[in-house]
Amino acid sequence: MTQSRFQTALPWGLALFIAIVFIQSLFFKFTNSFETQFIFGTIGSWMGSIGLPAAVATNFAQYGGYTIGTLELIASGLLLTPKSQPFGAVLAFGVISGAIFFHLFTPLGVSVVINEAGDRDGGQLFALAVGVWISALVIIWLRRQTFAALLGNSSQASLREKRA
């Protein structure tokens, strides 16, 4: 079955969108900006308030930005590599699902404080998260056959190795 140019270009355009969103946020996460401290500190405090161990809450508050930033960087690389694009989309979907959860179900909220003056972003981070979530889901759907083939080949190879 031949694909139209649109069907071929769509997953690449969506992958590029996700990578741009993720990569532009790395500066904030890797420099531990005020915004990053606020976001991950708020989530860490919430984790402690619901009974998670203090070490988990404290470590998430301190290192969550670096961890999530690293996962976003890996997802971006996978998304921009032809054979690994489905895996990058799955990783992006998982990471951004967590972000959406924290926006909706914790004190973080949809509109996030972005500076020490208390200004809010008006929901821009949340809107980008939803855009990334939808884009990743569309890529997963469009690349489902490639994903299944890649998983199938690796599982068949491991079955052959077990039999030998």
C-alpha atoms as a PDB file:
ATOM      1  CA  MET A   1       0.000   0.000   0.000  1.00  0.00           C
ATOM      2  CA  THR A   2       1.433   3.351  -0.964  1.00  0.00           C
ATOM      3  CA  GLN A   3       1.182   6.320   1.325  1.00  0.00           C
ATOM      4  CA  SER A   4       0.375   9.853   0.333  1.00  0.00           C
ATOM      5  CA  ARG A   5       2.939  12.568   0.969  1.00  0.00           C
ATOM      6  CA  PHE A   6       0.763  13.782   3.829  1.00  0.00           C
ATOM      7  CA  GLN A   7       0.717  10.351   5.490  1.00  0.00           C
ATOM      8  CA  THR A   8       4.477  10.136   5.132  1.00  0.00           C
ATOM      9  CA  ALA A   9       5.162  13.683   6.337  1.00  0.00           C
ATOM     10  CA  LEU A  10       2.657  13.797   9.213  1.00  0.00           C
ATOM     11  CA  PRO A  11       4.572  11.629  11.699  1.00  0.00           C
ATOM     12  CA  TRP A  12       7.787  13.521  10.950  1.00  0.00           C
ATOM     13  CA  GLY A  13       6.098  16.871  11.475  1.00  0.00           C
ATOM     14  CA  LEU A  14       4.597  15.687  14.748  1.00  0.00           C
ATOM     15  CA  ALA A  15       7.952  14.231  15.848  1.00  0.00           C
ATOM     16  CA  LEU A  16       9.631  17.535  15.089  1.00  0.00           C
ATOM     17  CA  PHE A  17       6.989  19.404  17.104  1.00  0.00           C
ATOM     18  CA  ILE A  18       7.523  17.117  20.116  1.00  0.00           C
ATOM     19  CA  ALA A  19      11.314  17.388  19.845  1.00  0.00           C
ATOM     20  CA  ILE A  20      11.144  21.196  19.674  1.00  0.00           C
ATOM     21  CA  VAL A  21       8.901  21.368  22.754  1.00  0.00           C
ATOM     22  CA  PHE A  22      11.109  18.943  24.681  1.00  0.00           C
ATOM     23  CA  ILE A  23      14.450  20.408  23.628  1.00  0.00           C
ATOM     24  CA  GLN A  24      13.468  24.041  24.283  1.00  0.00           C
ATOM     25  CA  SER A  25      12.473  23.046  27.822  1.00  0.00           C
ATOM     26  CA  LEU A  26      15.880  21.496  28.545  1.00  0.00           C
ATOM     27  CA  PHE A  27      17.435  24.882  29.243  1.00  0.00           C
ATOM     28  CA  PHE A  28      14.989  25.416  32.100  1.00  0.00           C
ATOM     29  CA  LYS A  29      15.309  21.904  33.476  1.00  0.00           C
ATOM     30  CA  PHE A  30      19.082  21.583  33.216  1.00  0.00           C
ATOM     31  CA  THR A  31      19.782  25.047  34.668  1.00  0.00           C
ATOM     32  CA  ASN A  32      17.340  24.454  37.533  1.00  0.00           C
ATOM     33  CA  SER A  33      15.474  27.676  36.735  1.00  0.00           C
ATOM     34  CA  PHE A  34      12.920  29.198  39.102  1.00  0.00           C
ATOM     35  CA  GLU A  35      10.108  27.715  37.027  1.00  0.00           C
ATOM     36  CA  THR A  36      11.628  24.217  37.269  1.00  0.00           C
ATOM     37  CA  GLN A  37      12.188  24.605  41.005  1.00  0.00           C
ATOM     38  CA  PHE A  38       8.583  25.725  41.446  1.00  0.00           C
ATOM     39  CA  ILE A  39       7.089  22.910  39.352  1.00  0.00           C
ATOM     40  CA  PHE A  40       9.100  20.039  40.787  1.00  0.00           C
ATOM     41  CA  GLY A  41       9.075  21.510  44.299  1.00  0.00           C
ATOM     42  CA  THR A  42       5.282  21.767  44.218  1.00  0.00           C
ATOM     43  CA  ILE A  43       4.967  18.185  43.005  1.00  0.00           C
ATOM     44  CA  GLY A  44       7.524  16.971  45.568  1.00  0.00           C
ATOM     45  CA  SER A  45       5.611  18.682  48.386  1.00  0.00           C
ATOM     46  CA  TRP A  46       2.382  17.128  47.130  1.00  0.00           C
ATOM     47  CA  MET A  47       4.039  13.681  47.035  1.00  0.00           C
ATOM     48  CA  GLY A  48       5.026  14.108  50.685  1.00  0.00           C
ATOM     49  CA  SER A  49       1.535  15.270  51.620  1.00  0.00           C
ATOM     50  CA  ILE A  50      -0.102  12.123  50.238  1.00  0.00           C
ATOM     51  CA  GLY A  51       2.181   9.867  52.249  1.00  0.00           C
ATOM     52  CA  LEU A  52       4.988   8.971  49.879  1.00  0.00           C
ATOM     53  CA  PRO A  53       8.319   8.515  51.655  1.00  0.00           C
ATOM     54  CA  ALA A  54      10.154  11.775  52.322  1.00  0.00           C
ATOM     55  CA  ALA A  55      13.153  10.540  50.311  1.00  0.00           C
ATOM     56  CA  VAL A  56      10.976  10.079  47.215  1.00  0.00           C
ATOM     57  CA  ALA A  57       9.336  13.482  47.565  1.00  0.00           C
ATOM     58  CA  THR A  58      12.608  15.288  48.302  1.00  0.00           C
ATOM     59  CA  ASN A  59      14.525  13.561  45.500  1.00  0.00           C
ATOM     60  CA  PHE A  60      11.754  14.292  43.001  1.00  0.00           C
ATOM     61  CA  ALA A  61      11.745  17.944  44.041  1.00  0.00           C
ATOM     62  CA  GLN A  62      15.536  18.192  43.723  1.00  0.00           C
ATOM     63  CA  TYR A  63      16.293  15.930  40.756  1.00  0.00           C
ATOM     64  CA  GLY A  64      12.982  15.504  38.921  1.00  0.00           C
ATOM     65  CA  GLY A  65      13.785  18.257  36.420  1.00  0.00           C
ATOM     66  CA  TYR A  66      17.081  16.623  35.478  1.00  0.00           C
ATOM     67  CA  THR A  67      15.489  13.172  35.227  1.00  0.00           C
ATOM     68  CA  ILE A  68      12.524  14.290  33.141  1.00  0.00           C
ATOM     69  CA  GLY A  69      14.788  16.480  30.991  1.00  0.00           C
ATOM     70  CA  THR A  70      17.032  13.490  30.296  1.00  0.00           C
ATOM     71  CA  LEU A  71      14.026  11.357  29.318  1.00  0.00           C
ATOM     72  CA  GLU A  72      12.770  14.146  27.040  1.00  0.00           C
ATOM     73  CA  LEU A  73      16.188  14.391  25.399  1.00  0.00           C
ATOM     74  CA  ILE A  74      16.249  10.623  24.804  1.00  0.00           C
ATOM     75  CA  ALA A  75      12.683  10.696  23.437  1.00  0.00           C
ATOM     76  CA  SER A  76      13.644  13.530  21.062  1.00  0.00           C
ATOM     77  CA  GLY A  77      16.589  11.559  19.707  1.00  0.00           C
ATOM     78  CA  LEU A  78      14.456   8.459  19.228  1.00  0.00           C
ATOM     79  CA  LEU A  79      11.677  10.460  17.547  1.00  0.00           C
ATOM     80  CA  LEU A  80      14.094  11.947  15.025  1.00  0.00           C
ATOM     81  CA  THR A  81      15.610   8.580  14.074  1.00  0.00           C
ATOM     82  CA  PRO A  82      13.578   6.604  11.511  1.00  0.00           C
ATOM     83  CA  LYS A  83      13.655   3.099  13.022  1.00  0.00           C
ATOM     84  CA  SER A  84      13.256   4.245  16.601  1.00  0.00           C
ATOM     85  CA  GLN A  85      10.494   6.812  16.045  1.00  0.00           C
ATOM     86  CA  PRO A  86       7.739   4.559  17.466  1.00  0.00           C
ATOM     87  CA  PHE A  87       9.767   3.984  20.638  1.00  0.00           C
ATOM     88  CA  GLY A  88      10.383   7.721  20.994  1.00  0.00           C
ATOM     89  CA  ALA A  89       6.654   8.338  20.654  1.00  0.00           C
ATOM     90  CA  VAL A  90       5.896   5.803  23.389  1.00  0.00           C
ATOM     91  CA  LEU A  91       8.493   7.391  25.687  1.00  0.00           C
ATOM     92  CA  ALA A  92       7.178  10.893  24.930  1.00  0.00           C
ATOM     93  CA  PHE A  93       3.606   9.710  25.552  1.00  0.00           C
ATOM     94  CA  GLY A  94       4.582   8.269  28.933  1.00  0.00           C
ATOM     95  CA  VAL A  95       6.547  11.317  30.069  1.00  0.00           C
ATOM     96  CA  ILE A  96       3.901  13.791  28.982  1.00  0.00           C
ATOM     97  CA  SER A  97       1.086  11.692  30.475  1.00  0.00           C
ATOM     98  CA  GLY A  98       2.832  12.182  33.815  1.00  0.00           C
ATOM     99  CA  ALA A  99       3.055  15.928  33.204  1.00  0.00           C
ATOM    100  CA  ILE A 100      -0.648  16.155  32.376  1.00  0.00           C
ATOM    101  CA  PHE A 101      -1.514  14.113  35.473  1.00  0.00           C
ATOM    102  CA  PHE A 102       0.501  16.456  37.687  1.00  0.00           C
ATOM    103  CA  HIS A 103      -1.102  19.537  36.112  1.00  0.00           C
ATOM    104  CA  LEU A 104      -4.621  18.199  36.613  1.00  0.00           C
ATOM    105  CA  PHE A 105      -4.503  16.299  39.890  1.00  0.00           C
ATOM    106  CA  THR A 106      -1.997  18.114  42.097  1.00  0.00           C
ATOM    107  CA  PRO A 107      -1.671  21.642  43.486  1.00  0.00           C
ATOM    108  CA  LEU A 108       0.518  22.486  40.447  1.00  0.00           C
ATOM    109  CA  GLY A 109      -2.574  23.330  38.407  1.00  0.00           C
ATOM    110  CA  VAL A 110      -3.038  24.196  34.758  1.00  0.00           C
ATOM    111  CA  SER A 111      -1.646  27.729  35.006  1.00  0.00           C
ATOM    112  CA  VAL A 112       1.868  27.546  36.467  1.00  0.00           C
ATOM    113  CA  VAL A 113       3.856  30.198  38.346  1.00  0.00           C
ATOM    114  CA  ILE A 114       6.764  31.189  36.094  1.00  0.00           C
ATOM    115  CA  ASN A 115       8.743  33.731  38.113  1.00  0.00           C
ATOM    116  CA  GLU A 116       9.444  34.987  41.598  1.00  0.00           C
ATOM    117  CA  ALA A 117       6.875  37.762  41.175  1.00  0.00           C
ATOM    118  CA  GLY A 118       4.170  35.062  41.012  1.00  0.00           C
ATOM    119  CA  ASP A 119       3.216  35.628  37.377  1.00  0.00           C
ATOM    120  CA  ARG A 120       1.460  32.692  35.746  1.00  0.00           C
ATOM    121  CA  ASP A 121       1.790  31.233  32.262  1.00  0.00           C
ATOM    122  CA  GLY A 122      -1.973  31.183  31.577  1.00  0.00           C
ATOM    123  CA  GLY A 123      -1.869  27.458  30.850  1.00  0.00           C
ATOM    124  CA  GLN A 124       0.750  27.557  28.067  1.00  0.00           C
ATOM    125  CA  LEU A 125       2.810  24.672  29.494  1.00  0.00           C
ATOM    126  CA  PHE A 126      -0.333  22.607  29.894  1.00  0.00           C
ATOM    127  CA  ALA A 127      -1.464  23.372  26.331  1.00  0.00           C
ATOM    128  CA  LEU A 128       1.945  22.315  24.995  1.00  0.00           C
ATOM    129  CA  ALA A 129       1.737  19.127  27.063  1.00  0.00           C
ATOM    130  CA  VAL A 130      -1.650  18.304  25.554  1.00  0.00           C
ATOM    131  CA  GLY A 131      -0.273  19.005  22.063  1.00  0.00           C
ATOM    132  CA  VAL A 132       2.681  16.681  22.710  1.00  0.00           C
ATOM    133  CA  TRP A 133       0.354  14.007  24.136  1.00  0.00           C
ATOM    134  CA  ILE A 134      -1.911  14.081  21.070  1.00  0.00           C
ATOM    135  CA  SER A 135       1.084  14.173  18.695  1.00  0.00           C
ATOM    136  CA  ALA A 136       2.730  11.178  20.382  1.00  0.00           C
ATOM    137  CA  LEU A 137      -0.539   9.241  20.285  1.00  0.00           C
ATOM    138  CA  VAL A 138      -0.961   9.974  16.564  1.00  0.00           C
ATOM    139  CA  ILE A 139       2.624   8.849  15.837  1.00  0.00           C
ATOM    140  CA  ILE A 140       2.056   5.637  17.805  1.00  0.00           C
ATOM    141  CA  TRP A 141      -1.087   5.001  15.770  1.00  0.00           C
ATOM    142  CA  LEU A 142       0.507   5.842  12.421  1.00  0.00           C
ATOM    143  CA  ARG A 143       3.623   3.773  13.203  1.00  0.00           C
ATOM    144  CA  ARG A 144       1.767   0.853  14.798  1.00  0.00           C
ATOM    145  CA  GLN A 145       2.756  -1.588  12.056  1.00  0.00           C
ATOM    146  CA  THR A 146       6.418  -0.563  12.238  1.00  0.00           C
ATOM    147  CA  PHE A 147       6.280  -0.819  16.021  1.00  0.00           C
ATOM    148  CA  ALA A 148       4.673  -4.273  15.888  1.00  0.00           C
ATOM    149  CA  ALA A 149       7.198  -5.444  13.287  1.00  0.00           C
ATOM    150  CA  LEU A 150      10.132  -4.217  15.372  1.00  0.00           C
ATOM    151  CA  LEU A 151       8.749  -5.885  18.481  1.00  0.00           C
ATOM    152  CA  GLY A 152       7.852  -8.997  16.521  1.00  0.00           C
ATOM    153  CA  ASN A 153      11.318  -9.325  15.016  1.00  0.00           C
ATOM    154  CA  SER A 154      13.029  -8.968  18.381  1.00  0.00           C
ATOM    155  CA  SER A 155      10.670 -11.403  20.114  1.00  0.00           C
ATOM    156  CA  GLN A 156      11.022 -13.920  17.277  1.00  0.00           C
ATOM    157  CA  ALA A 157      14.787 -13.612  17.448  1.00  0.00           C
ATOM    158  CA  SER A 158      14.756 -14.208  21.206  1.00  0.00           C
ATOM    159  CA  LEU A 159      12.515 -17.241  20.718  1.00  0.00           C
ATOM    160  CA  ARG A 160      14.982 -18.645  18.168  1.00  0.00           C
ATOM    161  CA  GLU A 161      17.834 -18.062  20.625  1.00  0.00           C
ATOM    162  CA  LYS A 162      15.944 -19.883  23.401  1.00  0.00           C
ATOM    163  CA  ARG A 163      15.280 -22.846  21.120  1.00  0.00           C
ATOM    164  CA  ALA A 164      18.936 -23.112  20.037  1.00  0.00           C
END
